[in-house]
């Protein structure tokens, strides 16, 4: 029977509180099954392990990293030294991304802004890399949401959250690989030659170099593979819990 303080906190009539508390105390535990852990009925279970504590923050960081890769205008970079009348030189940077372009000494703008190249003038494979990178960001966000939800439940409806998140990470890896392969093919386009020189061609940057976005893309690919492996490991290591009444969570 609950104490007086418990009955006051719940705001129940003493007789009703006694009936409720007594029924809760008599509530049976579900039967134990081989390889499954029993949990008290009606209690919320948190499924945190040391691997989950690594997997969830890493998945959230991957969303930010994928967004940086897609949006930042630093796929291709060119540094130009400009001298003044006093003989001093200044290094100006021009850069090019999937969606934005930065000219030396000018603010960065998207390709759809006036006075810059229109989307219809961009090469087809360039647009493919841009769309695939945006899709990779979306998949990484859904995978991170699934990873966060796995702290409370193993299954959502009839879907295993761990396997779903791992599959999304693998699809994100494929998107990053596609973007990394098709983007350099269009380095011979007018967009790149305008910044890097006339000798620029597929997989060859004349006077430019690859920027931080390419290295971030490689890092995101490796970390997504690690997240997929962690999801499979956590799924294999996490026992199935049985809810009261035999409903698995």
C-alpha atoms as a PDB file:
ATOM      1  CA  UNK A   1       0.000   0.000   0.000  1.00  0.00           C
ATOM      2  CA  UNK A   2       1.313   3.443  -0.860  1.00  0.00           C
ATOM      3  CA  UNK A   3       2.263   5.931   1.788  1.00  0.00           C
ATOM      4  CA  UNK A   4       0.171   8.969   2.624  1.00  0.00           C
ATOM      5  CA  UNK A   5       2.645  11.216   0.799  1.00  0.00           C
ATOM      6  CA  UNK A   6       2.320   9.136  -2.372  1.00  0.00           C
ATOM      7  CA  UNK A   7      -1.454   9.326  -2.258  1.00  0.00           C
ATOM      8  CA  UNK A   8      -1.335  13.087  -1.759  1.00  0.00           C
ATOM      9  CA  UNK A   9       1.102  13.583  -4.630  1.00  0.00           C
ATOM     10  CA  UNK A  10      -1.017  11.569  -7.053  1.00  0.00           C
ATOM     11  CA  UNK A  11      -4.076  13.561  -5.967  1.00  0.00           C
ATOM     12  CA  UNK A  12      -6.197  10.450  -5.591  1.00  0.00           C
ATOM     13  CA  UNK A  13      -8.916   9.575  -3.138  1.00  0.00           C
ATOM     14  CA  UNK A  14      -7.312   7.438  -0.379  1.00  0.00           C
ATOM     15  CA  UNK A  15      -9.560   4.437  -1.109  1.00  0.00           C
ATOM     16  CA  UNK A  16      -8.955   4.738  -4.858  1.00  0.00           C
ATOM     17  CA  UNK A  17      -5.208   5.163  -4.317  1.00  0.00           C
ATOM     18  CA  UNK A  18      -5.122   2.027  -2.189  1.00  0.00           C
ATOM     19  CA  UNK A  19      -6.868   0.012  -4.912  1.00  0.00           C
ATOM     20  CA  UNK A  20      -4.558   1.398  -7.577  1.00  0.00           C
ATOM     21  CA  UNK A  21      -1.399   0.781  -5.553  1.00  0.00           C
ATOM     22  CA  UNK A  22      -2.427  -2.701  -4.568  1.00  0.00           C
ATOM     23  CA  UNK A  23      -3.190  -3.653  -8.169  1.00  0.00           C
ATOM     24  CA  UNK A  24       0.189  -2.333  -9.264  1.00  0.00           C
ATOM     25  CA  UNK A  25       1.976  -4.369  -6.618  1.00  0.00           C
ATOM     26  CA  UNK A  26       0.156  -7.522  -7.685  1.00  0.00           C
ATOM     27  CA  UNK A  27       0.888  -6.995 -11.395  1.00  0.00           C
ATOM     28  CA  UNK A  28       2.797 -10.074 -12.573  1.00  0.00           C
ATOM     29  CA  UNK A  29       6.078  -9.976 -14.423  1.00  0.00           C
ATOM     30  CA  UNK A  30       6.134 -11.464 -17.928  1.00  0.00           C
ATOM     31  CA  UNK A  31       7.563 -14.979 -18.150  1.00  0.00           C
ATOM     32  CA  UNK A  32      11.270 -15.226 -18.811  1.00  0.00           C
ATOM     33  CA  UNK A  33      12.303 -16.557 -22.217  1.00  0.00           C
ATOM     34  CA  UNK A  34      15.616 -17.943 -23.338  1.00  0.00           C
ATOM     35  CA  UNK A  35      18.085 -15.189 -24.223  1.00  0.00           C
ATOM     36  CA  UNK A  36      15.732 -12.397 -23.115  1.00  0.00           C
ATOM     37  CA  UNK A  37      15.878 -10.166 -20.112  1.00  0.00           C
ATOM     38  CA  UNK A  38      12.786  -9.514 -18.011  1.00  0.00           C
ATOM     39  CA  UNK A  39      11.829  -5.958 -17.156  1.00  0.00           C
ATOM     40  CA  UNK A  40       9.363  -4.665 -14.568  1.00  0.00           C
ATOM     41  CA  UNK A  41       5.940  -4.085 -16.114  1.00  0.00           C
ATOM     42  CA  UNK A  42       4.991  -0.545 -17.045  1.00  0.00           C
ATOM     43  CA  UNK A  43       8.520   0.806 -16.637  1.00  0.00           C
ATOM     44  CA  UNK A  44      10.332   2.802 -19.318  1.00  0.00           C
ATOM     45  CA  UNK A  45      13.620   1.158 -20.238  1.00  0.00           C
ATOM     46  CA  UNK A  46      16.618   3.121 -21.555  1.00  0.00           C
ATOM     47  CA  UNK A  47      18.892   1.146 -23.865  1.00  0.00           C
ATOM     48  CA  UNK A  48      22.197   2.929 -23.358  1.00  0.00           C
ATOM     49  CA  UNK A  49      25.496   1.127 -23.772  1.00  0.00           C
ATOM     50  CA  UNK A  50      29.007   2.424 -24.231  1.00  0.00           C
ATOM     51  CA  UNK A  51      28.647   1.828 -27.978  1.00  0.00           C
ATOM     52  CA  UNK A  52      25.372   3.749 -28.074  1.00  0.00           C
ATOM     53  CA  UNK A  53      27.005   6.688 -26.312  1.00  0.00           C
ATOM     54  CA  UNK A  54      29.570   6.719 -29.130  1.00  0.00           C
ATOM     55  CA  UNK A  55      27.153   6.024 -31.968  1.00  0.00           C
ATOM     56  CA  UNK A  56      24.516   8.687 -31.247  1.00  0.00           C
ATOM     57  CA  UNK A  57      26.853  11.738 -30.936  1.00  0.00           C
ATOM     58  CA  UNK A  58      28.828  10.542 -33.951  1.00  0.00           C
ATOM     59  CA  UNK A  59      25.646  10.318 -36.012  1.00  0.00           C
ATOM     60  CA  UNK A  60      24.688  13.853 -34.996  1.00  0.00           C
ATOM     61  CA  UNK A  61      28.147  15.137 -35.934  1.00  0.00           C
ATOM     62  CA  UNK A  62      27.838  13.473 -39.319  1.00  0.00           C
ATOM     63  CA  UNK A  63      24.738  15.538 -40.086  1.00  0.00           C
ATOM     64  CA  UNK A  64      26.716  18.751 -39.578  1.00  0.00           C
ATOM     65  CA  UNK A  65      29.649  17.377 -41.569  1.00  0.00           C
ATOM     66  CA  UNK A  66      27.440  16.302 -44.484  1.00  0.00           C
ATOM     67  CA  UNK A  67      25.737  19.697 -44.487  1.00  0.00           C
ATOM     68  CA  UNK A  68      29.129  21.412 -44.585  1.00  0.00           C
ATOM     69  CA  UNK A  69      30.205  19.279 -47.531  1.00  0.00           C
ATOM     70  CA  UNK A  70      27.057  20.117 -49.481  1.00  0.00           C
ATOM     71  CA  UNK A  71      26.852  23.847 -48.748  1.00  0.00           C
ATOM     72  CA  UNK A  72      30.392  25.170 -48.176  1.00  0.00           C
ATOM     73  CA  UNK A  73      32.042  26.653 -51.303  1.00  0.00           C
ATOM     74  CA  UNK A  74      35.421  25.020 -50.760  1.00  0.00           C
ATOM     75  CA  UNK A  75      35.572  22.053 -53.117  1.00  0.00           C
ATOM     76  CA  UNK A  76      38.030  23.851 -55.394  1.00  0.00           C
ATOM     77  CA  UNK A  77      40.315  26.658 -54.178  1.00  0.00           C
ATOM     78  CA  UNK A  78      42.708  29.022 -55.927  1.00  0.00           C
ATOM     79  CA  UNK A  79      45.075  31.438 -54.204  1.00  0.00           C
ATOM     80  CA  UNK A  80      46.232  34.467 -56.184  1.00  0.00           C
ATOM     81  CA  UNK A  81      49.015  36.810 -54.998  1.00  0.00           C
ATOM     82  CA  UNK A  82      48.208  40.431 -55.796  1.00  0.00           C
ATOM     83  CA  UNK A  83      50.848  43.155 -55.409  1.00  0.00           C
ATOM     84  CA  UNK A  84      50.283  46.820 -54.682  1.00  0.00           C
ATOM     85  CA  UNK A  85      52.230  49.953 -55.541  1.00  0.00           C
ATOM     86  CA  UNK A  86      54.403  49.633 -52.431  1.00  0.00           C
ATOM     87  CA  UNK A  87      55.624  46.196 -53.468  1.00  0.00           C
ATOM     88  CA  UNK A  88      53.639  44.368 -50.808  1.00  0.00           C
ATOM     89  CA  UNK A  89      51.701  41.311 -51.914  1.00  0.00           C
ATOM     90  CA  UNK A  90      48.391  39.998 -50.700  1.00  0.00           C
ATOM     91  CA  UNK A  91      47.008  36.505 -51.203  1.00  0.00           C
ATOM     92  CA  UNK A  92      43.395  36.438 -52.361  1.00  0.00           C
ATOM     93  CA  UNK A  93      41.345  33.274 -52.466  1.00  0.00           C
ATOM     94  CA  UNK A  94      38.723  32.209 -54.959  1.00  0.00           C
ATOM     95  CA  UNK A  95      36.743  29.063 -54.294  1.00  0.00           C
ATOM     96  CA  UNK A  96      34.062  26.949 -55.849  1.00  0.00           C
ATOM     97  CA  UNK A  97      31.503  24.610 -54.310  1.00  0.00           C
ATOM     98  CA  UNK A  98      28.497  22.634 -55.409  1.00  0.00           C
ATOM     99  CA  UNK A  99      26.015  25.460 -54.834  1.00  0.00           C
ATOM    100  CA  UNK A 100      28.144  28.566 -54.232  1.00  0.00           C
ATOM    101  CA  UNK A 101      31.067  30.444 -55.719  1.00  0.00           C
ATOM    102  CA  UNK A 102      33.433  32.908 -54.071  1.00  0.00           C
ATOM    103  CA  UNK A 103      35.477  35.312 -56.186  1.00  0.00           C
ATOM    104  CA  UNK A 104      38.608  36.958 -54.832  1.00  0.00           C
ATOM    105  CA  UNK A 105      37.675  40.046 -52.868  1.00  0.00           C
ATOM    106  CA  UNK A 106      33.938  39.526 -53.377  1.00  0.00           C
ATOM    107  CA  UNK A 107      31.251  37.951 -51.192  1.00  0.00           C
ATOM    108  CA  UNK A 108      30.172  34.398 -51.898  1.00  0.00           C
ATOM    109  CA  UNK A 109      26.990  33.908 -53.898  1.00  0.00           C
ATOM    110  CA  UNK A 110      24.945  30.984 -55.106  1.00  0.00           C
ATOM    111  CA  UNK A 111      24.873  30.048 -58.746  1.00  0.00           C
ATOM    112  CA  UNK A 112      21.248  31.152 -59.040  1.00  0.00           C
ATOM    113  CA  UNK A 113      22.044  34.747 -58.046  1.00  0.00           C
ATOM    114  CA  UNK A 114      22.088  37.444 -60.683  1.00  0.00           C
ATOM    115  CA  UNK A 115      25.389  38.171 -62.482  1.00  0.00           C
ATOM    116  CA  UNK A 116      26.572  34.598 -61.876  1.00  0.00           C
ATOM    117  CA  UNK A 117      26.068  31.385 -63.774  1.00  0.00           C
ATOM    118  CA  UNK A 118      22.541  30.022 -63.982  1.00  0.00           C
ATOM    119  CA  UNK A 119      21.709  26.471 -63.006  1.00  0.00           C
ATOM    120  CA  UNK A 120      20.917  25.549 -66.605  1.00  0.00           C
ATOM    121  CA  UNK A 121      24.486  26.482 -67.586  1.00  0.00           C
ATOM    122  CA  UNK A 122      26.050  24.109 -65.080  1.00  0.00           C
ATOM    123  CA  UNK A 123      27.220  20.693 -66.329  1.00  0.00           C
ATOM    124  CA  UNK A 124      24.889  17.736 -65.816  1.00  0.00           C
ATOM    125  CA  UNK A 125      27.313  15.746 -63.672  1.00  0.00           C
ATOM    126  CA  UNK A 126      27.877  18.817 -61.504  1.00  0.00           C
ATOM    127  CA  UNK A 127      24.174  18.985 -60.808  1.00  0.00           C
ATOM    128  CA  UNK A 128      24.210  15.256 -60.111  1.00  0.00           C
ATOM    129  CA  UNK A 129      26.931  15.715 -57.481  1.00  0.00           C
ATOM    130  CA  UNK A 130      24.996  18.590 -55.906  1.00  0.00           C
ATOM    131  CA  UNK A 131      21.735  16.631 -55.702  1.00  0.00           C
ATOM    132  CA  UNK A 132      23.450  13.510 -54.394  1.00  0.00           C
ATOM    133  CA  UNK A 133      25.233  15.505 -51.689  1.00  0.00           C
ATOM    134  CA  UNK A 134      21.934  17.061 -50.621  1.00  0.00           C
ATOM    135  CA  UNK A 135      20.398  13.572 -50.490  1.00  0.00           C
ATOM    136  CA  UNK A 136      23.326  12.350 -48.380  1.00  0.00           C
ATOM    137  CA  UNK A 137      22.647  15.144 -45.873  1.00  0.00           C
ATOM    138  CA  UNK A 138      18.987  14.135 -45.660  1.00  0.00           C
ATOM    139  CA  UNK A 139      19.855  10.452 -45.165  1.00  0.00           C
ATOM    140  CA  UNK A 140      22.394  11.333 -42.468  1.00  0.00           C
ATOM    141  CA  UNK A 141      19.746  13.378 -40.646  1.00  0.00           C
ATOM    142  CA  UNK A 142      17.234  10.507 -40.711  1.00  0.00           C
ATOM    143  CA  UNK A 143      19.926   8.074 -39.540  1.00  0.00           C
ATOM    144  CA  UNK A 144      20.811  10.406 -36.655  1.00  0.00           C
ATOM    145  CA  UNK A 145      17.144  10.624 -35.658  1.00  0.00           C
ATOM    146  CA  UNK A 146      16.917   6.828 -35.694  1.00  0.00           C
ATOM    147  CA  UNK A 147      20.072   6.593 -33.580  1.00  0.00           C
ATOM    148  CA  UNK A 148      18.598   8.983 -31.024  1.00  0.00           C
ATOM    149  CA  UNK A 149      15.328   7.024 -30.955  1.00  0.00           C
ATOM    150  CA  UNK A 150      17.229   3.787 -30.329  1.00  0.00           C
ATOM    151  CA  UNK A 151      17.982   5.019 -26.805  1.00  0.00           C
ATOM    152  CA  UNK A 152      14.335   4.370 -25.925  1.00  0.00           C
ATOM    153  CA  UNK A 153      13.246   1.510 -28.144  1.00  0.00           C
ATOM    154  CA  UNK A 154      14.623  -1.182 -30.384  1.00  0.00           C
ATOM    155  CA  UNK A 155      11.697  -1.492 -32.779  1.00  0.00           C
ATOM    156  CA  UNK A 156       9.459   1.203 -34.236  1.00  0.00           C
ATOM    157  CA  UNK A 157       6.357  -0.510 -35.539  1.00  0.00           C
ATOM    158  CA  UNK A 158       7.788  -3.480 -37.419  1.00  0.00           C
ATOM    159  CA  UNK A 159      11.125  -1.800 -38.256  1.00  0.00           C
ATOM    160  CA  UNK A 160      14.367  -2.553 -36.441  1.00  0.00           C
ATOM    161  CA  UNK A 161      15.849   0.860 -35.673  1.00  0.00           C
ATOM    162  CA  UNK A 162      19.467  -0.302 -35.551  1.00  0.00           C
ATOM    163  CA  UNK A 163      19.309  -2.021 -38.929  1.00  0.00           C
ATOM    164  CA  UNK A 164      17.430   0.901 -40.437  1.00  0.00           C
ATOM    165  CA  UNK A 165      20.015   3.421 -39.233  1.00  0.00           C
ATOM    166  CA  UNK A 166      22.847   1.204 -40.468  1.00  0.00           C
ATOM    167  CA  UNK A 167      21.227   0.903 -43.887  1.00  0.00           C
ATOM    168  CA  UNK A 168      20.802   4.671 -44.086  1.00  0.00           C
ATOM    169  CA  UNK A 169      24.480   5.129 -43.218  1.00  0.00           C
ATOM    170  CA  UNK A 170      25.457   2.760 -46.029  1.00  0.00           C
ATOM    171  CA  UNK A 171      23.248   4.668 -48.480  1.00  0.00           C
ATOM    172  CA  UNK A 172      24.908   7.898 -47.319  1.00  0.00           C
ATOM    173  CA  UNK A 173      28.298   6.365 -48.057  1.00  0.00           C
ATOM    174  CA  UNK A 174      27.144   5.480 -51.580  1.00  0.00           C
ATOM    175  CA  UNK A 175      25.924   9.039 -52.130  1.00  0.00           C
ATOM    176  CA  UNK A 176      29.274  10.459 -51.004  1.00  0.00           C
ATOM    177  CA  UNK A 177      31.154   8.083 -53.300  1.00  0.00           C
ATOM    178  CA  UNK A 178      28.992   9.060 -56.268  1.00  0.00           C
ATOM    179  CA  UNK A 179      29.554  12.766 -55.571  1.00  0.00           C
ATOM    180  CA  UNK A 180      33.307  12.270 -55.215  1.00  0.00           C
ATOM    181  CA  UNK A 181      33.497  10.400 -58.539  1.00  0.00           C
ATOM    182  CA  UNK A 182      31.232  12.479 -60.780  1.00  0.00           C
ATOM    183  CA  UNK A 183      32.311  15.936 -59.572  1.00  0.00           C
ATOM    184  CA  UNK A 184      35.909  15.810 -60.922  1.00  0.00           C
ATOM    185  CA  UNK A 185      34.660  14.645 -64.327  1.00  0.00           C
ATOM    186  CA  UNK A 186      33.299  18.151 -64.987  1.00  0.00           C
ATOM    187  CA  UNK A 187      36.491  19.966 -64.058  1.00  0.00           C
ATOM    188  CA  UNK A 188      36.944  20.686 -67.757  1.00  0.00           C
ATOM    189  CA  UNK A 189      33.747  22.741 -67.858  1.00  0.00           C
ATOM    190  CA  UNK A 190      33.616  26.498 -68.374  1.00  0.00           C
ATOM    191  CA  UNK A 191      32.763  27.005 -64.703  1.00  0.00           C
ATOM    192  CA  UNK A 192      36.098  25.577 -63.560  1.00  0.00           C
ATOM    193  CA  UNK A 193      38.181  26.933 -66.441  1.00  0.00           C
ATOM    194  CA  UNK A 194      36.986  30.438 -65.634  1.00  0.00           C
ATOM    195  CA  UNK A 195      38.649  30.170 -62.214  1.00  0.00           C
ATOM    196  CA  UNK A 196      41.443  27.637 -62.688  1.00  0.00           C
ATOM    197  CA  UNK A 197      42.697  28.267 -66.225  1.00  0.00           C
ATOM    198  CA  UNK A 198      42.170  26.875 -69.696  1.00  0.00           C
ATOM    199  CA  UNK A 199      44.227  23.750 -69.041  1.00  0.00           C
ATOM    200  CA  UNK A 200      41.749  22.413 -66.490  1.00  0.00           C
ATOM    201  CA  UNK A 201      40.162  19.140 -67.542  1.00  0.00           C
ATOM    202  CA  UNK A 202      38.599  16.041 -66.026  1.00  0.00           C
ATOM    203  CA  UNK A 203      40.480  15.100 -62.837  1.00  0.00           C
ATOM    204  CA  UNK A 204      43.057  17.841 -63.561  1.00  0.00           C
ATOM    205  CA  UNK A 205      42.992  21.288 -61.895  1.00  0.00           C
ATOM    206  CA  UNK A 206      45.255  23.706 -63.710  1.00  0.00           C
ATOM    207  CA  UNK A 207      45.974  26.470 -61.221  1.00  0.00           C
ATOM    208  CA  UNK A 208      43.629  25.347 -58.467  1.00  0.00           C
ATOM    209  CA  UNK A 209      43.726  22.771 -55.705  1.00  0.00           C
ATOM    210  CA  UNK A 210      41.121  20.739 -53.873  1.00  0.00           C
ATOM    211  CA  UNK A 211      39.649  22.402 -50.804  1.00  0.00           C
ATOM    212  CA  UNK A 212      38.537  21.376 -47.344  1.00  0.00           C
ATOM    213  CA  UNK A 213      35.189  20.053 -48.566  1.00  0.00           C
ATOM    214  CA  UNK A 214      36.875  17.163 -50.363  1.00  0.00           C
ATOM    215  CA  UNK A 215      38.724  16.141 -47.199  1.00  0.00           C
ATOM    216  CA  UNK A 216      35.515  16.542 -45.204  1.00  0.00           C
ATOM    217  CA  UNK A 217      33.779  14.309 -47.754  1.00  0.00           C
ATOM    218  CA  UNK A 218      36.395  11.593 -47.240  1.00  0.00           C
ATOM    219  CA  UNK A 219      36.070  11.885 -43.468  1.00  0.00           C
ATOM    220  CA  UNK A 220      32.264  11.744 -43.663  1.00  0.00           C
ATOM    221  CA  UNK A 221      32.479   8.608 -45.807  1.00  0.00           C
ATOM    222  CA  UNK A 222      34.719   6.831 -43.300  1.00  0.00           C
ATOM    223  CA  UNK A 223      32.621   7.913 -40.313  1.00  0.00           C
ATOM    224  CA  UNK A 224      29.409   6.774 -41.992  1.00  0.00           C
ATOM    225  CA  UNK A 225      30.960   3.355 -42.509  1.00  0.00           C
ATOM    226  CA  UNK A 226      31.933   3.346 -38.838  1.00  0.00           C
ATOM    227  CA  UNK A 227      28.368   4.306 -37.832  1.00  0.00           C
ATOM    228  CA  UNK A 228      26.935   1.496 -39.955  1.00  0.00           C
ATOM    229  CA  UNK A 229      29.293  -0.983 -38.279  1.00  0.00           C
ATOM    230  CA  UNK A 230      28.368   0.362 -34.827  1.00  0.00           C
ATOM    231  CA  UNK A 231      24.660   0.033 -35.592  1.00  0.00           C
ATOM    232  CA  UNK A 232      25.078  -3.610 -36.567  1.00  0.00           C
ATOM    233  CA  UNK A 233      27.232  -4.275 -33.500  1.00  0.00           C
ATOM    234  CA  UNK A 234      24.720  -2.678 -31.142  1.00  0.00           C
ATOM    235  CA  UNK A 235      21.877  -4.585 -32.769  1.00  0.00           C
ATOM    236  CA  UNK A 236      23.686  -7.897 -32.252  1.00  0.00           C
ATOM    237  CA  UNK A 237      24.721  -7.053 -28.689  1.00  0.00           C
ATOM    238  CA  UNK A 238      21.401  -5.650 -27.448  1.00  0.00           C
ATOM    239  CA  UNK A 239      19.069  -8.343 -26.064  1.00  0.00           C
ATOM    240  CA  UNK A 240      15.393  -8.309 -26.883  1.00  0.00           C
ATOM    241  CA  UNK A 241      13.230  -7.020 -24.061  1.00  0.00           C
ATOM    242  CA  UNK A 242       9.705  -8.218 -23.473  1.00  0.00           C
ATOM    243  CA  UNK A 243       7.080  -5.711 -22.431  1.00  0.00           C
ATOM    244  CA  UNK A 244       4.259  -6.561 -20.057  1.00  0.00           C
ATOM    245  CA  UNK A 245       1.770  -8.693 -21.903  1.00  0.00           C
ATOM    246  CA  UNK A 246       4.385 -10.139 -24.267  1.00  0.00           C
ATOM    247  CA  UNK A 247       4.756  -7.064 -26.475  1.00  0.00           C
ATOM    248  CA  UNK A 248       8.399  -6.636 -27.488  1.00  0.00           C
ATOM    249  CA  UNK A 249      10.043  -3.223 -27.484  1.00  0.00           C
END
